[in-house]
Amino acid sequence: MLVLILAYLGGVLTILSPCILPVLPFVFARADRPFVRNGLPMLLGMALTFALVATLAAVGGGWAIRANQYGRIVAMVVLAVLGLTLLPTHLAEWISRPFVKLGNKLSQRSDADGDSVWSAAGLGVATGLLWAPCAGPILGLLLTGAALDGASVQTTLLLLTYAAGAATSLALALAIGGRVFTLMKRSLGAGEWVRRALGVLVLVGVAMIALGLDTGVLTRVSLASTAGIEQRLINAVRPAPPPQPAVQAGAPLPVEGELPSLAGATQWLNTAPLSAEALRGKVVLVDFWTYSCINCIRSLPYVRGWADKYKDHGLVVIGVHAPEFAFEKEPQNVIKAVKDLGVDYPVALDNEYAIWKGFSNEYWPAHYFIDAQGRIRHHHFGEGEYDQSEDVIRELLTEAGQKNLPGGYVRPGAQGAEAAGSGDPTRSPETYVGYARAENFAGGHVAHDDPWTYRAPSTLMANQWAFDGRWTVRDENARLDAANGRIVYRFRGRDLHLVLGPDSDGKPVRFRVTIDGKAPGADHGADIDADGNGTVDAQRLYQLVRQANGSDERTFEITFLDPGVQAYAFTFG
C-alpha cells in the first residue's frame, strides 16, 4: 500500500516536471468542453496508454521501445492536425470534417459540437504515446522493480497508479483551466483568439517533441524539477540505507533471522553447490556484490582478507554475485572477473535474484553475518566500518568454540580501483549512460535505440555530461557507431570510473582521455597511462582518473578511436 501511495504521489508531481509541459496544450485544448465527455475520456486514454507502453518498455525488450517511437510519430501527426483545426475557422472545419464523421460513427452519438467520448479517448491515446516522463527517482524505482520481478499484475498496477496520479493533477488543471477559459470567453469575447492561441501552442508542443526538446532543453532550464521532492518521498517510505546496527562491547548480538536457502543460485564458482543445511556449524559471511560496482570493488580487499585470515578457524565466505547490468549475467565474464580480482572463496551466481530476494536485500555491497546455528546475527550495507565487521566475525567464531584466533585487524593496503574512496561529500553522483536511468544529460535529444549524431555543447555545468559523434543509446548503455566518438563530463571527485565493454565481437577499442583538454599526467587512473591512452578489452569498470592532489571540479573527455565500445555508468570516489 505504501508503494502504491508513493507511485500515486509521484504521478501527481509529474505536472510540475518539465517533461509534462509539451502535453499541457493538448489537455487545455478541450478545456471549454464538458469534462465527462471530453476531459475524462482523454485523461483515461492517456493514462492507460502510458501504463501499457511503460509496462512493455520495462519488461518487453527493445522492440516495445522502438514501437513506442513509431507510435510517437503517429501521435505527433494526429496532434498536429488537432492544432491546425484550432486555427482559422474554415481550415479547422475542412480538416476536422472526416475526424468528426469518424468520431460520430464510433460513438453513434455526439454532442452539439460534434465531439464524442471516443474521439476524446483517441486524443488521449495519442497524448499518452507522446508522454515520456523524466526518469526521476520514483518512476525509476517502478521500472527497476519491473525489470527485476518481470511481467506481473503488480507491475502494471504500479504504473497505472503512477499514471492515475498524473491524470488527477491534469484533471485539476483542466477544471481550473476550463473556468478560466469560460470566463475569458464571457467577459472578453476572446474565445476565437484563445482557440487560435491554443492551436499555436499545440503545434509548438508537437515541434518541441519532434526536436527532442521535451527531454533535452526543458529538463535543463526548468525551475520546477521534482527529483528532490520525489527522492524525499522515497526516503520517507523506504529509507536507504538504514542505520547500521551498533555492536556493543560485551553485549550479545541479536538474532535477525535464519539463513535463507541458497538453492536459487544459477551456478557456483570455486566450490560445489552449498546449502544452508551443509553450512551448519560454520560461521558464514555472505557478501552481495557485482563485479562492476565500485563500492563492491573497494570492499573486496577486506572480504578477501577475512576469508584468508579465518578460513582455518571456521569461517566460510560466500560471495553472492547479483548482476546489475546484462553483461554481468554472463558466467564467463564473472569467471574472468573472479580470477582477475583474486576471489578464491565460493561465489554463487544469483542471476535470477533468488538469494537476493530470500535475504530481502536491496544494496551492493551488503554483508550478512551468520552464526554456527544458521542464524543471521548482524548485517552491514555499503563500504566502511571494517573493524566493526571483523569484531563480529571474531565474536561469532568465539561463540562457535574457536580459540586462539589471529589478532589485529585486516589492513589490505589496496591499490588502484580497490583503494578506499576519498569520502568527499561533494563528489559527482553515480551517472548512468543508458536512457532508462540517465540524468543531467546536456546533449539535447536522445534517440532511443536508434543511431543518432550528437554534438556536445562547448561548456558544461557541474555534473552535466554529453555525447559527441554517432551513438545508439539503449536502455542500459550506449554504443558508439563510428570512430572518434566522445563522452564529456564536468565532474568533481578524486576518482572517475566508467563501466565499459567492447562490442559483441570482443574486438578491443582504443581510447584517449584528457582532463581540462590536456593529458592527465599524474592524475591518470589505473587503466590508462600518463598520456591518457587505454584500451577497452573486457566488460568491466575502468579507473580513468585519480587526481594526485584533491578532488577539484574538472572537465573529463574520453575519445574512442575505434567504433563498437559500449558505455554503461560513471562512478566517482
Protein backbone atom coordinates (compact mmCIF):
# COMPACT_ATOMS: atom_id res chain seq x y z
CA MET A 1 0.00 0.00 0.00
CA LEU A 2 2.85 2.40 0.81
CA VAL A 3 4.41 1.75 -2.59
CA LEU A 4 1.06 2.39 -4.31
CA ILE A 5 0.69 5.67 -2.42
CA LEU A 6 4.25 6.59 -3.38
CA ALA A 7 3.56 5.81 -7.04
CA TYR A 8 0.37 7.89 -6.98
CA LEU A 9 2.09 10.89 -5.37
CA GLY A 10 4.93 10.62 -7.89
CA GLY A 11 2.39 10.79 -10.69
CA VAL A 12 0.70 13.81 -9.13
CA LEU A 13 4.05 15.60 -9.02
CA THR A 14 4.63 14.91 -12.71
CA ILE A 15 2.66 18.03 -13.65
CA LEU A 16 5.49 20.09 -12.12
CA SER A 17 8.13 18.25 -14.12
CA PRO A 18 9.45 19.74 -17.39
CA CYS A 19 8.61 16.62 -19.39
CA ILE A 20 4.87 17.21 -18.93
CA LEU A 21 4.96 20.74 -20.40
CA PRO A 22 4.56 19.74 -24.07
CA VAL A 23 1.46 17.69 -23.14
CA LEU A 24 -0.39 20.55 -21.42
CA PRO A 25 -1.55 22.32 -24.62
CA PHE A 26 -3.30 19.12 -25.73
CA VAL A 27 -5.08 18.90 -22.39
CA PHE A 28 -6.16 22.55 -22.35
CA ALA A 29 -7.31 22.37 -25.97
CA ARG A 30 -10.58 20.87 -24.66
CA ALA A 31 -10.82 22.95 -21.52
CA ASP A 32 -14.03 24.67 -22.70
CA ARG A 33 -15.94 21.43 -23.28
CA PRO A 34 -17.85 19.10 -20.92
CA PHE A 35 -15.38 17.27 -18.71
CA VAL A 36 -17.22 13.94 -18.56
CA ARG A 37 -17.46 13.58 -22.35
CA ASN A 38 -14.13 15.20 -23.26
CA GLY A 39 -11.60 15.73 -20.50
CA LEU A 40 -12.21 12.49 -18.60
CA PRO A 41 -12.03 10.12 -21.63
CA MET A 42 -8.93 11.92 -22.85
CA LEU A 43 -7.18 11.58 -19.48
CA LEU A 44 -8.19 7.92 -19.15
CA GLY A 45 -6.90 7.19 -22.65
CA MET A 46 -3.66 8.96 -21.87
CA ALA A 47 -3.15 7.14 -18.54
CA LEU A 48 -3.97 3.68 -19.91
CA THR A 49 -1.74 4.17 -22.96
CA PHE A 50 1.17 5.36 -20.82
CA ALA A 51 0.79 2.41 -18.43
CA LEU A 52 0.73 -0.05 -21.35
CA VAL A 53 3.74 1.46 -23.11
CA ALA A 54 5.72 1.75 -19.85
CA THR A 55 4.96 -1.88 -18.98
CA LEU A 56 6.13 -3.03 -22.40
CA ALA A 57 9.24 -0.86 -22.12
CA ALA A 58 10.04 -2.29 -18.69
CA VAL A 59 9.55 -5.99 -19.43
CA GLY A 60 9.14 -6.43 -23.17
CA GLY A 61 12.57 -5.54 -24.51
CA GLY A 62 13.85 -3.13 -27.11
CA TRP A 63 11.14 -3.94 -29.70
CA ALA A 64 8.49 -2.35 -27.48
CA ILE A 65 10.54 0.81 -27.10
CA ARG A 66 11.02 1.02 -30.87
CA ALA A 67 7.26 0.55 -31.29
CA ASN A 68 6.79 3.46 -28.91
CA GLN A 69 9.00 5.62 -31.13
CA TYR A 70 6.82 4.84 -34.16
CA GLY A 71 3.75 5.47 -32.03
CA ARG A 72 5.15 8.89 -31.13
CA ILE A 73 5.46 9.75 -34.82
CA VAL A 74 1.86 8.75 -35.49
CA ALA A 75 0.71 10.65 -32.41
CA MET A 76 2.58 13.79 -33.45
CA VAL A 77 0.82 13.72 -36.81
CA VAL A 78 -2.58 13.34 -35.12
CA LEU A 79 -1.93 16.16 -32.68
CA ALA A 80 -0.50 18.43 -35.38
CA VAL A 81 -3.79 18.01 -37.22
CA LEU A 82 -5.61 18.89 -33.98
CA GLY A 83 -3.52 22.06 -33.70
CA LEU A 84 -4.44 23.06 -37.25
CA THR A 85 -8.14 22.57 -36.51
CA LEU A 86 -7.86 25.23 -33.82
CA LEU A 87 -6.53 27.86 -36.23
CA PRO A 88 -8.65 29.63 -38.94
CA THR A 89 -12.29 28.62 -38.82
CA HIS A 90 -12.62 27.44 -42.43
CA LEU A 91 -9.39 25.44 -42.27
CA ALA A 92 -10.49 23.93 -38.96
CA GLU A 93 -13.86 22.87 -40.40
CA TRP A 94 -12.25 21.37 -43.52
CA ILE A 95 -9.61 19.40 -41.63
CA SER A 96 -11.87 18.25 -38.83
CA ARG A 97 -14.78 17.09 -41.06
CA PRO A 98 -13.54 13.47 -41.61
CA PHE A 99 -12.48 13.11 -37.98
CA VAL A 100 -15.85 14.33 -36.73
CA LYS A 101 -17.56 11.87 -39.07
CA LEU A 102 -15.38 9.02 -37.81
CA GLY A 103 -15.99 10.04 -34.22
CA ASN A 104 -19.75 10.04 -34.81
CA LYS A 105 -19.56 6.54 -36.25
CA LEU A 106 -17.52 5.25 -33.32
CA SER A 107 -19.68 6.73 -30.62
CA GLN A 108 -23.03 6.58 -32.51
CA ARG A 109 -23.86 9.83 -30.83
CA SER A 110 -22.22 13.20 -30.38
CA ASP A 111 -22.77 16.38 -28.59
CA ALA A 112 -23.83 19.61 -30.24
CA ASP A 113 -20.25 20.46 -31.20
CA GLY A 114 -19.58 17.16 -32.92
CA ASP A 115 -17.36 15.86 -30.12
CA SER A 116 -17.58 12.31 -28.79
CA VAL A 117 -16.28 10.22 -25.97
CA TRP A 118 -14.44 8.03 -28.44
CA SER A 119 -12.74 10.90 -30.22
CA ALA A 120 -11.66 12.33 -26.86
CA ALA A 121 -10.31 8.93 -25.81
CA GLY A 122 -8.45 8.68 -29.12
CA LEU A 123 -6.88 12.06 -28.45
CA GLY A 124 -5.88 10.74 -25.02
CA VAL A 125 -4.24 7.69 -26.59
CA ALA A 126 -2.22 9.96 -28.88
CA THR A 127 -1.22 12.15 -25.93
CA GLY A 128 -0.26 9.08 -23.91
CA LEU A 129 2.10 7.94 -26.68
CA LEU A 130 3.77 11.36 -26.57
CA TRP A 131 4.08 11.48 -22.81
CA ALA A 132 7.54 10.28 -21.83
CA PRO A 133 8.02 11.38 -18.20
CA CYS A 134 11.50 12.22 -16.99
CA ALA A 135 13.03 9.15 -15.38
CA GLY A 136 13.04 10.62 -11.89
CA PRO A 137 13.62 8.52 -8.76
CA ILE A 138 10.01 7.31 -8.38
CA LEU A 139 9.47 6.20 -11.97
CA GLY A 140 12.99 4.77 -11.97
CA LEU A 141 12.11 2.77 -8.85
CA LEU A 142 8.99 1.39 -10.52
CA LEU A 143 10.76 0.43 -13.75
CA THR A 144 13.69 -1.11 -11.87
CA GLY A 145 11.26 -3.23 -9.86
CA ALA A 146 9.54 -4.28 -13.08
CA ALA A 147 12.86 -5.31 -14.59
CA LEU A 148 13.75 -7.38 -11.51
CA ASP A 149 10.37 -9.02 -11.00
CA GLY A 150 9.32 -9.49 -14.62
CA ALA A 151 5.87 -9.10 -16.11
CA SER A 152 3.16 -9.17 -13.47
CA VAL A 153 -0.16 -7.69 -12.46
CA GLN A 154 1.69 -5.74 -9.73
CA THR A 155 3.96 -4.07 -12.31
CA THR A 156 1.05 -2.86 -14.40
CA LEU A 157 -0.88 -1.80 -11.27
CA LEU A 158 2.02 0.35 -10.09
CA LEU A 159 2.39 2.02 -13.48
CA LEU A 160 -1.38 2.55 -13.69
CA THR A 161 -1.28 4.12 -10.23
CA TYR A 162 1.54 6.44 -11.32
CA ALA A 163 -0.43 7.39 -14.44
CA ALA A 164 -3.58 7.91 -12.37
CA GLY A 165 -1.70 10.38 -10.18
CA ALA A 166 -0.61 12.34 -13.24
CA ALA A 167 -4.16 12.25 -14.64
CA THR A 168 -5.51 13.55 -11.32
CA SER A 169 -3.28 16.62 -11.36
CA LEU A 170 -4.04 17.21 -15.05
CA ALA A 171 -7.77 16.90 -14.36
CA LEU A 172 -7.47 19.56 -11.67
CA ALA A 173 -5.58 21.81 -14.06
CA LEU A 174 -8.20 21.11 -16.70
CA ALA A 175 -11.03 22.05 -14.32
CA ILE A 176 -9.31 25.29 -13.36
CA GLY A 177 -8.34 25.94 -16.96
CA GLY A 178 -11.93 25.35 -18.08
CA ARG A 179 -13.25 28.03 -15.71
CA VAL A 180 -10.59 30.48 -16.85
CA PHE A 181 -11.35 29.67 -20.47
CA THR A 182 -15.11 30.20 -19.96
CA LEU A 183 -14.53 33.45 -18.08
CA MET A 184 -12.37 34.81 -20.89
CA LYS A 185 -14.99 33.96 -23.50
CA ARG A 186 -17.80 35.50 -21.46
CA SER A 187 -16.12 38.69 -20.26
CA LEU A 188 -13.70 39.50 -23.06
CA GLY A 189 -15.23 37.84 -26.08
CA ALA A 190 -11.83 36.38 -26.81
CA GLY A 191 -12.91 32.79 -27.43
CA GLU A 192 -11.77 32.77 -31.06
CA TRP A 193 -8.36 34.17 -30.18
CA VAL A 194 -7.99 31.79 -27.27
CA ARG A 195 -8.83 28.89 -29.58
CA ARG A 196 -6.23 30.02 -32.10
CA ALA A 197 -3.64 30.57 -29.38
CA LEU A 198 -4.24 27.02 -28.17
CA GLY A 199 -3.80 25.79 -31.73
CA VAL A 200 -0.44 27.55 -31.93
CA LEU A 201 0.57 26.07 -28.57
CA VAL A 202 -0.37 22.58 -29.76
CA LEU A 203 1.77 22.97 -32.88
CA VAL A 204 4.63 24.38 -30.82
CA GLY A 205 4.32 21.42 -28.45
CA VAL A 206 4.46 18.95 -31.35
CA ALA A 207 7.53 20.73 -32.73
CA MET A 208 9.22 20.66 -29.33
CA ILE A 209 8.62 16.94 -29.00
CA ALA A 210 9.76 16.25 -32.57
CA LEU A 211 13.02 18.10 -31.85
CA GLY A 212 13.53 16.27 -28.56
CA LEU A 213 13.21 19.43 -26.50
CA ASP A 214 10.73 17.74 -24.15
CA THR A 215 13.58 15.66 -22.69
CA GLY A 216 16.51 17.94 -23.51
CA VAL A 217 16.34 21.71 -23.15
CA LEU A 218 13.23 21.74 -20.96
CA THR A 219 14.84 19.39 -18.49
CA ARG A 220 17.85 21.66 -18.15
CA VAL A 221 16.10 25.03 -17.98
CA SER A 222 13.05 24.12 -15.91
CA LEU A 223 12.93 25.54 -12.41
CA ALA A 224 10.20 23.06 -11.46
CA SER A 225 12.15 19.81 -11.37
CA THR A 226 10.61 17.40 -8.88
CA ALA A 227 13.53 15.00 -8.45
CA GLY A 228 14.33 16.29 -4.96
CA ILE A 229 10.71 16.05 -3.80
CA GLU A 230 10.39 12.55 -5.30
CA GLN A 231 13.57 11.40 -3.57
CA ARG A 232 12.28 12.67 -0.20
CA LEU A 233 9.06 10.71 -0.76
CA ILE A 234 11.09 7.57 -1.47
CA ASN A 235 13.17 8.11 1.65
CA ALA A 236 10.01 8.61 3.71
CA VAL A 237 8.58 5.19 2.83
CA ARG A 238 11.82 3.27 2.29
CA PRO A 239 14.87 4.83 3.95
CA ALA A 240 18.08 3.99 2.14
CA PRO A 241 20.25 2.77 3.62
CA PRO A 242 19.08 2.26 7.22
CA PRO A 243 21.47 2.98 10.08
CA GLN A 244 23.94 0.19 10.68
CA PRO A 245 23.33 -1.74 13.92
CA ALA A 246 25.85 -0.81 16.59
CA VAL A 247 27.96 -3.56 18.12
CA GLN A 248 28.17 -3.02 21.88
CA ALA A 249 31.21 -4.49 23.59
CA GLY A 250 30.14 -7.38 25.83
CA ALA A 251 26.52 -7.37 24.61
CA PRO A 252 25.33 -10.42 22.65
CA LEU A 253 24.48 -9.88 19.00
CA PRO A 254 20.72 -10.01 18.27
CA VAL A 255 19.13 -12.69 16.11
CA GLU A 256 17.88 -11.10 12.87
CA GLY A 257 16.54 -14.21 11.15
CA GLU A 258 17.56 -17.54 9.61
CA LEU A 259 19.97 -18.09 6.74
CA PRO A 260 17.70 -18.33 3.65
CA SER A 261 18.03 -21.06 1.04
CA LEU A 262 20.95 -20.89 -1.36
CA ALA A 263 19.29 -23.23 -3.85
CA GLY A 264 18.40 -20.40 -6.22
CA ALA A 265 22.00 -19.94 -7.39
CA THR A 266 22.26 -20.47 -11.15
CA GLN A 267 25.90 -21.58 -10.88
CA TRP A 268 28.67 -21.90 -8.30
CA LEU A 269 32.31 -20.92 -8.72
CA ASN A 270 35.28 -22.18 -6.67
CA THR A 271 33.13 -24.83 -4.97
CA ALA A 272 30.46 -27.45 -5.35
CA PRO A 273 26.94 -26.12 -4.61
CA LEU A 274 26.50 -25.14 -0.96
CA SER A 275 23.33 -25.31 1.13
CA ALA A 276 22.20 -23.68 4.36
CA GLU A 277 21.97 -27.11 5.99
CA ALA A 278 25.52 -28.12 5.00
CA LEU A 279 26.89 -24.87 6.45
CA ARG A 280 25.58 -25.55 9.98
CA GLY A 281 28.48 -25.49 12.42
CA LYS A 282 30.32 -22.86 10.37
CA VAL A 283 30.31 -19.10 10.74
CA VAL A 284 29.27 -17.67 7.37
CA LEU A 285 29.78 -14.25 5.82
CA VAL A 286 27.51 -13.63 2.81
CA ASP A 287 28.71 -10.76 0.62
CA PHE A 288 26.29 -9.46 -2.05
CA TRP A 289 28.33 -7.89 -4.82
CA THR A 290 28.61 -7.39 -8.58
CA TYR A 291 31.92 -7.05 -10.32
CA SER A 292 31.46 -3.64 -11.98
CA CYS A 293 30.24 -1.95 -8.75
CA ILE A 294 32.92 0.42 -7.43
CA ASN A 295 31.66 0.17 -3.83
CA CYS A 296 31.86 -3.63 -4.07
CA ILE A 297 35.35 -3.47 -5.56
CA ARG A 298 36.57 -1.21 -2.73
CA SER A 299 35.21 -3.58 -0.06
CA LEU A 300 36.63 -6.72 -1.70
CA PRO A 301 40.16 -6.41 -0.22
CA TYR A 302 38.66 -6.70 3.27
CA VAL A 303 36.39 -9.60 2.36
CA ARG A 304 39.33 -11.44 0.79
CA GLY A 305 41.43 -10.64 3.84
CA TRP A 306 38.83 -12.05 6.26
CA ALA A 307 38.42 -15.19 4.14
CA ASP A 308 42.19 -15.84 4.19
CA LYS A 309 42.69 -14.90 7.83
CA TYR A 310 39.89 -17.01 9.33
CA LYS A 311 39.38 -19.85 6.82
CA ASP A 312 41.20 -22.28 9.11
CA HIS A 313 39.13 -21.13 12.11
CA GLY A 314 35.64 -22.00 10.90
CA LEU A 315 34.72 -19.01 8.68
CA VAL A 316 33.13 -19.58 5.28
CA VAL A 317 32.83 -16.54 3.00
CA ILE A 318 30.27 -16.73 0.19
CA GLY A 319 30.15 -14.07 -2.48
CA VAL A 320 26.66 -13.80 -3.96
CA HIS A 321 27.10 -12.20 -7.36
CA ALA A 322 23.83 -10.38 -8.15
CA PRO A 323 24.24 -8.63 -11.54
CA GLU A 324 23.26 -5.03 -12.20
CA PHE A 325 23.94 -4.99 -15.97
CA ALA A 326 23.10 -7.66 -18.54
CA PHE A 327 26.76 -8.45 -19.27
CA GLU A 328 27.25 -9.35 -15.60
CA LYS A 329 24.87 -12.28 -16.09
CA GLU A 330 27.31 -13.97 -18.47
CA PRO A 331 29.13 -16.69 -16.46
CA GLN A 332 32.34 -16.32 -18.47
CA ASN A 333 32.51 -12.61 -17.63
CA VAL A 334 32.09 -13.35 -13.93
CA ILE A 335 34.63 -16.18 -14.05
CA LYS A 336 37.20 -13.81 -15.55
CA ALA A 337 36.38 -11.08 -13.02
CA VAL A 338 36.68 -13.52 -10.11
CA LYS A 339 40.11 -14.57 -11.36
CA ASP A 340 41.29 -11.01 -12.05
CA LEU A 341 40.10 -9.80 -8.63
CA GLY A 342 41.74 -12.68 -6.78
CA VAL A 343 38.48 -14.05 -5.34
CA ASP A 344 39.17 -17.66 -4.36
CA TYR A 345 36.30 -18.26 -1.94
CA PRO A 346 32.90 -19.69 -3.06
CA VAL A 347 30.83 -17.48 -5.35
CA ALA A 348 27.14 -18.08 -6.09
CA LEU A 349 25.81 -16.60 -9.35
CA ASP A 350 22.41 -15.15 -8.45
CA ASN A 351 21.24 -14.21 -11.95
CA GLU A 352 17.56 -14.66 -11.05
CA TYR A 353 17.90 -12.71 -7.77
CA ALA A 354 16.56 -15.71 -5.84
CA ILE A 355 19.08 -15.42 -2.98
CA TRP A 356 18.82 -11.61 -3.09
CA LYS A 357 15.06 -11.86 -2.53
CA GLY A 358 15.49 -14.52 0.15
CA PHE A 359 17.51 -12.03 2.19
CA SER A 360 15.17 -9.14 1.22
CA ASN A 361 18.37 -7.39 0.23
CA GLU A 362 18.44 -4.01 -1.53
CA TYR A 363 22.10 -2.96 -1.59
CA TRP A 364 25.52 -3.53 -3.17
CA PRO A 365 27.62 -4.36 -1.27
CA ALA A 366 25.75 -5.96 1.61
CA HIS A 367 27.34 -8.18 4.26
CA TYR A 368 25.33 -10.66 6.35
CA PHE A 369 26.96 -12.45 9.29
CA ILE A 370 25.54 -15.91 10.15
CA ASP A 371 26.42 -17.88 13.27
CA ALA A 372 27.16 -21.61 13.55
CA GLN A 373 23.46 -22.31 14.21
CA GLY A 374 22.42 -20.78 10.88
CA ARG A 375 21.06 -17.52 12.33
CA ILE A 376 21.69 -14.05 10.91
CA ARG A 377 23.25 -12.05 13.73
CA HIS A 378 24.44 -8.86 12.04
CA HIS A 379 24.44 -7.02 8.71
CA HIS A 380 26.25 -4.10 7.14
CA PHE A 381 25.39 -2.19 3.95
CA GLY A 382 27.91 -0.30 1.85
CA GLU A 383 31.56 0.42 2.48
CA GLY A 384 33.30 1.18 5.77
CA GLU A 385 33.22 0.06 9.42
CA TYR A 386 35.52 -2.84 8.55
CA ASP A 387 36.97 -3.16 12.05
CA GLN A 388 33.46 -3.45 13.48
CA SER A 389 32.64 -6.17 10.93
CA GLU A 390 35.79 -8.09 11.84
CA ASP A 391 34.84 -7.84 15.52
CA VAL A 392 31.52 -9.51 14.64
CA ILE A 393 33.34 -12.32 12.82
CA ARG A 394 35.58 -12.90 15.83
CA GLU A 395 32.65 -12.85 18.24
CA LEU A 396 30.70 -15.43 16.22
CA LEU A 397 33.77 -17.66 15.87
CA THR A 398 34.32 -17.45 19.62
CA GLU A 399 30.67 -18.40 20.23
CA ALA A 400 31.25 -21.43 17.97
CA GLY A 401 34.09 -22.60 20.22
CA GLN A 402 37.04 -21.36 18.20
CA LYS A 403 40.12 -20.40 20.22
CA ASN A 404 43.48 -18.81 19.54
CA LEU A 405 42.12 -16.58 16.80
CA PRO A 406 44.72 -14.46 14.97
CA GLY A 407 44.91 -10.94 16.39
CA GLY A 408 44.81 -7.49 14.85
CA TYR A 409 42.66 -6.21 12.00
CA VAL A 410 42.90 -6.79 8.26
CA ARG A 411 44.79 -3.93 6.60
CA PRO A 412 44.85 -4.76 2.89
CA GLY A 413 46.78 -1.74 1.56
CA ALA A 414 44.64 -1.78 -1.58
CA GLN A 415 45.73 -0.05 -4.77
CA GLY A 416 44.02 1.20 -7.93
CA ALA A 417 40.23 0.99 -8.02
CA GLU A 418 40.25 -1.12 -4.84
CA ALA A 419 41.70 1.72 -2.75
CA ALA A 420 39.29 3.44 -0.36
CA GLY A 421 37.28 6.37 -1.69
CA SER A 422 38.10 9.97 -0.88
CA GLY A 423 34.99 10.47 1.24
CA ASP A 424 34.37 13.83 -0.48
CA PRO A 425 30.64 14.55 0.03
CA THR A 426 30.62 16.97 -2.93
CA ARG A 427 31.78 14.39 -5.49
CA SER A 428 29.63 13.83 -8.55
CA PRO A 429 26.82 11.26 -8.29
CA GLU A 430 26.73 7.88 -9.95
CA THR A 431 25.59 8.57 -13.51
CA TYR A 432 24.04 6.04 -15.88
CA VAL A 433 24.57 6.38 -19.61
CA GLY A 434 21.57 4.34 -20.82
CA TYR A 435 18.32 6.28 -21.19
CA ALA A 436 16.44 4.21 -18.57
CA ARG A 437 18.26 5.94 -15.69
CA ALA A 438 20.23 8.76 -17.28
CA GLU A 439 20.28 12.14 -15.53
CA ASN A 440 21.97 15.50 -16.16
CA PHE A 441 22.42 14.81 -19.88
CA ALA A 442 23.24 18.08 -21.67
CA GLY A 443 23.35 16.86 -25.25
CA GLY A 444 19.76 17.61 -26.34
CA HIS A 445 17.53 14.95 -27.88
CA VAL A 446 18.18 11.29 -27.02
CA ALA A 447 17.09 8.88 -29.77
CA HIS A 448 16.02 5.69 -28.02
CA ASP A 449 17.55 2.59 -29.66
CA ASP A 450 18.27 4.38 -32.94
CA PRO A 451 21.62 5.73 -34.27
CA TRP A 452 21.93 9.48 -33.81
CA THR A 453 24.68 12.02 -34.38
CA TYR A 454 25.23 14.06 -31.19
CA ARG A 455 27.08 17.31 -30.64
CA ALA A 456 28.49 18.07 -27.21
CA PRO A 457 27.99 21.68 -26.05
CA SER A 458 31.11 23.82 -25.73
CA THR A 459 30.59 24.29 -21.99
CA LEU A 460 29.02 22.14 -19.29
CA MET A 461 27.75 22.92 -15.83
CA ALA A 462 28.84 20.81 -12.84
CA ASN A 463 27.70 17.15 -13.16
CA GLN A 464 26.45 17.62 -16.73
CA TRP A 465 27.63 15.28 -19.49
CA ALA A 466 27.11 14.76 -23.21
CA PHE A 467 27.86 12.54 -26.19
CA ASP A 468 29.66 13.65 -29.32
CA GLY A 469 29.61 11.59 -32.51
CA ARG A 470 27.43 8.76 -33.77
CA TRP A 471 25.88 6.79 -30.90
CA THR A 472 23.00 4.37 -30.37
CA VAL A 473 21.61 4.90 -26.87
CA ARG A 474 19.86 1.91 -25.33
CA ASP A 475 18.13 1.39 -22.02
CA GLU A 476 21.26 0.46 -20.01
CA ASN A 477 24.14 1.52 -22.26
CA ALA A 478 25.22 3.49 -25.30
CA ARG A 479 27.10 2.01 -28.27
CA LEU A 480 29.49 4.02 -30.45
CA ASP A 481 28.70 3.50 -34.16
CA ALA A 482 31.62 5.43 -35.70
CA ALA A 483 35.23 6.04 -34.71
CA ASN A 484 36.31 9.14 -32.77
CA GLY A 485 33.12 9.47 -30.75
CA ARG A 486 33.40 11.19 -27.38
CA ILE A 487 31.81 11.43 -23.95
CA VAL A 488 32.38 14.65 -21.99
CA TYR A 489 31.63 15.05 -18.27
CA ARG A 490 32.08 18.06 -15.94
CA PHE A 491 32.79 16.18 -12.71
CA ARG A 492 34.02 16.65 -9.19
CA GLY A 493 35.90 13.95 -7.30
CA ARG A 494 39.29 12.41 -6.73
CA ASP A 495 38.47 9.35 -8.86
CA LEU A 496 36.45 8.87 -12.03
CA HIS A 497 35.45 5.38 -13.15
CA LEU A 498 33.48 4.32 -16.21
CA VAL A 499 31.96 0.90 -16.86
CA LEU A 500 32.84 -0.02 -20.45
CA GLY A 501 32.86 -3.03 -22.71
CA PRO A 502 33.73 -3.95 -26.31
CA ASP A 503 31.04 -4.88 -28.82
CA SER A 504 29.69 -8.42 -29.14
CA ASP A 505 32.64 -9.37 -31.37
CA GLY A 506 35.01 -8.69 -28.47
CA LYS A 507 37.33 -6.54 -30.60
CA PRO A 508 39.38 -4.18 -28.37
CA VAL A 509 38.63 -0.46 -28.57
CA ARG A 510 41.41 2.12 -28.16
CA PHE A 511 40.67 5.37 -26.38
CA ARG A 512 42.33 8.55 -25.14
CA VAL A 513 41.44 10.61 -22.03
CA THR A 514 42.01 14.30 -21.42
CA ILE A 515 41.35 16.40 -18.31
CA ASP A 516 40.62 20.07 -18.96
CA GLY A 517 41.81 19.50 -22.53
CA LYS A 518 45.23 18.15 -21.54
CA ALA A 519 46.83 14.74 -20.99
CA PRO A 520 46.12 13.59 -17.41
CA GLY A 521 49.76 13.20 -16.39
CA ALA A 522 49.96 12.46 -12.67
CA ASP A 523 46.16 12.44 -12.48
CA HIS A 524 45.76 9.32 -14.65
CA GLY A 525 43.82 6.34 -13.35
CA ALA A 526 44.99 2.75 -13.09
CA ASP A 527 43.65 1.79 -16.54
CA ILE A 528 45.39 4.50 -18.59
CA ASP A 529 48.89 5.89 -18.89
CA ALA A 530 50.05 9.44 -18.21
CA ASP A 531 49.26 10.41 -21.82
CA GLY A 532 45.67 9.23 -21.35
CA ASN A 533 45.90 6.15 -23.57
CA GLY A 534 43.97 2.98 -22.79
CA THR A 535 42.13 0.04 -24.31
CA VAL A 536 38.69 -1.45 -23.63
CA ASP A 537 39.25 -5.20 -23.82
CA ALA A 538 36.60 -6.53 -21.41
CA GLN A 539 33.25 -5.57 -19.93
CA ARG A 540 34.22 -4.11 -16.56
CA LEU A 541 34.83 -0.95 -14.55
CA TYR A 542 37.79 1.18 -15.71
CA GLN A 543 39.54 3.66 -13.43
CA LEU A 544 40.34 6.62 -15.69
CA VAL A 545 41.13 9.47 -13.27
CA ARG A 546 42.80 9.61 -9.89
CA GLN A 547 43.68 13.20 -9.06
CA ALA A 548 47.01 13.41 -7.32
CA ASN A 549 46.00 16.47 -5.30
CA GLY A 550 42.46 16.93 -4.04
CA SER A 551 39.16 16.45 -5.84
CA ASP A 552 38.68 19.66 -7.81
CA GLU A 553 35.99 20.19 -10.45
CA ARG A 554 37.39 19.23 -13.85
CA THR A 555 36.22 18.52 -17.40
CA PHE A 556 36.76 14.90 -18.37
CA GLU A 557 36.77 13.84 -22.00
CA ILE A 558 37.21 10.35 -23.43
CA THR A 559 37.61 9.84 -27.18
CA PHE A 560 37.20 6.32 -28.57
CA LEU A 561 39.46 5.82 -31.56
CA ASP A 562 37.56 2.74 -32.74
CA PRO A 563 33.81 2.06 -33.02
CA GLY A 564 31.89 -0.53 -31.05
CA VAL A 565 32.50 0.48 -27.45
CA GLN A 566 29.59 0.17 -25.01
CA ALA A 567 29.41 2.65 -22.12
CA TYR A 568 27.26 1.96 -19.04
CA ALA A 569 27.82 4.15 -15.98
CA PHE A 570 30.14 6.67 -14.30
CA THR A 571 31.08 6.42 -10.63
CA PHE A 572 33.26 8.72 -8.56
CA GLY A 573 35.40 8.50 -5.47
